[in-house]
Amino acid sequence: NGLKKRIDLLASMPLEKLDSMALKDIHHKAS
């Protein structure tokens, strides 16, 4: 299941990297 793999990957990431990715994602959607 691709979603579970993605969740596992996100769960294993450091929070600061997660935050910067989330911000980039939000910025990308907003533009």
Protein backbone atom coordinates (compact mmCIF):
# COMPACT_ATOMS: atom_id res chain seq x y z
CA ASN A 1 0.00 0.00 0.00
CA GLY A 2 1.62 3.23 -1.20
CA LEU A 3 -0.13 5.39 1.37
CA LYS A 4 1.10 3.31 4.29
CA LYS A 5 4.63 3.44 2.92
CA ARG A 6 4.36 7.22 2.65
CA ILE A 7 3.05 7.50 6.21
CA ASP A 8 5.87 5.30 7.48
CA LEU A 9 8.36 7.47 5.60
CA LEU A 10 6.87 10.66 7.04
CA ALA A 11 6.85 9.17 10.53
CA SER A 12 10.55 8.38 10.29
CA MET A 13 11.53 11.89 9.18
CA PRO A 14 12.85 14.57 11.51
CA LEU A 15 10.23 17.20 12.31
CA GLU A 16 12.15 20.14 10.89
CA LYS A 17 12.44 18.42 7.52
CA LEU A 18 8.75 17.57 7.67
CA ASP A 19 7.90 21.22 8.39
CA SER A 20 9.94 22.55 5.49
CA MET A 21 8.38 19.99 3.15
CA ALA A 22 4.90 20.88 4.35
CA LEU A 23 5.57 24.58 3.85
CA LYS A 24 6.91 23.94 0.35
CA ASP A 25 3.85 21.83 -0.42
CA ILE A 26 1.46 24.53 0.83
CA HIS A 27 3.38 27.21 -1.07
CA HIS A 28 3.29 25.09 -4.23
CA LYS A 29 -0.48 24.61 -3.94
CA ALA A 30 -1.04 28.30 -3.25
CA SER A 31 0.93 29.53 -6.26
